[in-house]
Amino acid sequence: MIGWALRLADALRDRQRRKWWLDTAAAGRRGEDLAHRYLQAKGLTVVSRNWRPESGGGEIDLVAREGGTLVFVEVKSRTSTESGAPERNAGPAKEEAMQRVCRQFATRAGVPWERVRFDLVSVLLTNPPRIEHRKDAFGRIVSPGARERR
């Protein structure tokens, strides 16, 4: 019963957004809503959405906790695969931007960098939507500008 009610609320919220927002912005927010529910269903606790540092310069789509790990989640949404898969837009430049903003969040939250993970959730807004969750999508970041190779 609750799942049905939440899906209805999401659909109504999406319909309202589409009245006032650009289609791309509404689709992006719908993808974030779906990713949020998906992660909750997988046992993660979402602690923040669309977090921006006071200094500006970026945004974290979702911040969650999984056990003792702080998980920063980038959500990529598309309505179709005509121009490629949603995660195609998450390259090295996005990784660097995320690191900068995530370091600020982790510092403010008092979480050591070793207990941080970066995930990517791609959402294809079909009927029904397709969601893919890649844990540790950018690899384990060990120090600013350096990555551990797998």
Protein backbone atom coordinates (compact mmCIF):
# COMPACT_ATOMS: atom_id res chain seq x y z
CA MET A 1 0.00 0.00 0.00
CA ILE A 2 2.73 2.48 0.94
CA GLY A 3 4.72 1.80 -2.26
CA TRP A 4 1.65 2.54 -4.37
CA ALA A 5 1.00 5.81 -2.49
CA LEU A 6 4.62 6.92 -2.87
CA ARG A 7 4.56 6.21 -6.63
CA LEU A 8 1.35 8.22 -6.94
CA ALA A 9 2.87 11.13 -5.00
CA ASP A 10 5.97 11.01 -7.22
CA ALA A 11 3.83 11.05 -10.38
CA LEU A 12 1.78 14.01 -9.15
CA ARG A 13 4.93 15.92 -8.16
CA ASP A 14 6.44 15.21 -11.59
CA ARG A 15 3.28 16.39 -13.35
CA GLN A 16 3.31 19.65 -11.37
CA ARG A 17 7.00 20.26 -12.14
CA ARG A 18 6.43 19.80 -15.87
CA LYS A 19 3.93 22.66 -15.82
CA TRP A 20 6.59 25.16 -14.73
CA TRP A 21 10.03 23.69 -15.37
CA LEU A 22 11.95 22.98 -18.53
CA ASP A 23 11.55 19.35 -19.64
CA THR A 24 15.21 18.58 -18.98
CA ALA A 25 15.06 19.97 -15.43
CA ALA A 26 11.85 18.08 -14.68
CA ALA A 27 13.32 14.85 -16.09
CA GLY A 28 16.47 15.30 -14.01
CA ARG A 29 14.51 15.81 -10.82
CA ARG A 30 12.28 12.80 -11.63
CA GLY A 31 15.44 10.72 -12.03
CA GLU A 32 16.67 11.92 -8.64
CA ASP A 33 13.33 11.01 -7.06
CA LEU A 34 13.54 7.50 -8.53
CA ALA A 35 17.20 7.10 -7.52
CA HIS A 36 16.35 8.22 -3.98
CA ARG A 37 13.59 5.60 -3.64
CA TYR A 38 15.80 2.93 -5.25
CA LEU A 39 18.68 3.55 -2.82
CA GLN A 40 16.32 3.51 0.16
CA ALA A 41 14.93 0.17 -1.01
CA LYS A 42 18.54 -1.13 -1.16
CA GLY A 43 19.10 -0.17 2.49
CA LEU A 44 20.92 3.15 2.13
CA THR A 45 19.78 6.12 4.20
CA VAL A 46 19.61 9.32 2.15
CA VAL A 47 20.74 12.21 4.36
CA SER A 48 20.80 15.06 1.83
CA ARG A 49 19.58 15.96 -1.64
CA ASN A 50 20.95 18.62 -3.97
CA TRP A 51 23.53 19.82 -1.44
CA ARG A 52 25.50 22.90 -2.45
CA PRO A 53 28.39 24.40 -0.50
CA GLU A 54 27.96 27.95 0.72
CA SER A 55 30.81 28.99 -1.56
CA GLY A 56 28.87 27.71 -4.59
CA GLY A 57 30.64 25.85 -7.33
CA GLY A 58 28.84 22.54 -7.55
CA GLU A 59 26.18 20.26 -6.22
CA ILE A 60 25.88 16.74 -4.87
CA ASP A 61 22.70 15.07 -6.13
CA LEU A 62 22.30 12.65 -3.22
CA VAL A 63 24.28 11.96 -0.06
CA ALA A 64 23.58 8.69 1.72
CA ARG A 65 24.94 6.46 4.44
CA GLU A 66 25.55 2.75 4.09
CA GLY A 67 26.81 1.41 7.37
CA GLY A 68 29.84 3.51 8.29
CA THR A 69 30.35 4.76 4.73
CA LEU A 70 29.28 8.16 3.46
CA VAL A 71 28.10 7.70 -0.13
CA PHE A 72 28.03 10.57 -2.62
CA VAL A 73 25.71 9.78 -5.50
CA GLU A 74 25.69 11.36 -8.94
CA VAL A 75 22.38 10.77 -10.74
CA LYS A 76 22.23 10.85 -14.53
CA SER A 77 18.83 10.71 -16.22
CA ARG A 78 17.67 10.49 -19.80
CA THR A 79 14.30 10.00 -21.43
CA SER A 80 15.81 7.81 -24.17
CA THR A 81 19.14 6.39 -25.30
CA GLU A 82 19.13 8.28 -28.63
CA SER A 83 22.04 10.44 -27.51
CA GLY A 84 23.70 7.70 -25.47
CA ALA A 85 23.34 6.15 -22.05
CA PRO A 86 22.72 8.49 -19.09
CA GLU A 87 26.06 7.73 -17.43
CA ARG A 88 27.93 8.88 -20.53
CA ASN A 89 28.06 12.41 -19.09
CA ALA A 90 29.98 11.34 -15.97
CA GLY A 91 33.60 11.66 -17.02
CA PRO A 92 36.84 12.93 -15.47
CA ALA A 93 35.70 16.57 -15.32
CA LYS A 94 32.57 15.57 -13.40
CA GLU A 95 34.68 13.40 -11.09
CA GLU A 96 36.98 16.31 -10.25
CA ALA A 97 34.07 18.67 -9.62
CA MET A 98 32.39 16.09 -7.38
CA GLN A 99 35.58 15.54 -5.38
CA ARG A 100 35.86 19.24 -4.62
CA VAL A 101 32.30 19.57 -3.34
CA CYS A 102 32.30 16.19 -1.58
CA ARG A 103 35.45 17.05 0.35
CA GLN A 104 33.65 20.08 1.75
CA PHE A 105 30.65 17.98 2.79
CA ALA A 106 32.79 15.24 4.35
CA THR A 107 34.85 17.80 6.28
CA ARG A 108 31.73 19.51 7.63
CA ALA A 109 30.23 16.13 8.55
CA GLY A 110 33.46 15.01 10.26
CA VAL A 111 33.78 11.91 8.05
CA PRO A 112 37.33 10.78 7.19
CA TRP A 113 38.02 10.60 3.46
CA GLU A 114 38.78 6.88 3.76
CA ARG A 115 35.11 6.26 4.65
CA VAL A 116 33.74 7.95 1.51
CA ARG A 117 32.47 6.29 -1.67
CA PHE A 118 31.26 7.70 -4.99
CA ASP A 119 28.33 5.98 -6.69
CA LEU A 120 26.61 6.61 -9.99
CA VAL A 121 22.93 5.94 -10.57
CA SER A 122 21.74 6.12 -14.16
CA VAL A 123 18.01 6.36 -14.78
CA LEU A 124 16.37 5.76 -18.12
CA LEU A 125 12.91 7.32 -17.89
CA THR A 126 11.04 4.67 -19.86
CA ASN A 127 7.86 2.94 -18.78
CA PRO A 128 8.79 1.31 -16.47
CA PRO A 129 11.98 3.26 -15.65
CA ARG A 130 15.32 1.41 -15.79
CA ILE A 131 17.74 2.11 -12.98
CA GLU A 132 21.38 1.04 -12.83
CA HIS A 133 23.47 1.57 -9.69
CA ARG A 134 27.25 1.46 -9.95
CA LYS A 135 28.97 1.42 -6.57
CA ASP A 136 32.41 3.00 -6.33
CA ALA A 137 31.94 4.34 -9.86
CA PHE A 138 35.04 6.53 -9.82
CA GLY A 139 37.32 4.14 -7.96
CA ARG A 140 38.70 4.63 -4.48
CA ILE A 141 40.04 8.16 -4.18
CA VAL A 142 43.04 8.18 -1.87
CA SER A 143 44.27 11.75 -2.01
CA PRO A 144 43.39 14.94 -3.85
CA GLY A 145 44.02 14.39 -7.55
CA ALA A 146 45.18 10.77 -7.19
CA ARG A 147 43.27 7.52 -7.69
CA GLU A 148 44.06 4.00 -6.70
CA ARG A 149 44.27 1.89 -9.85
CA ARG A 150 42.28 -1.34 -10.04
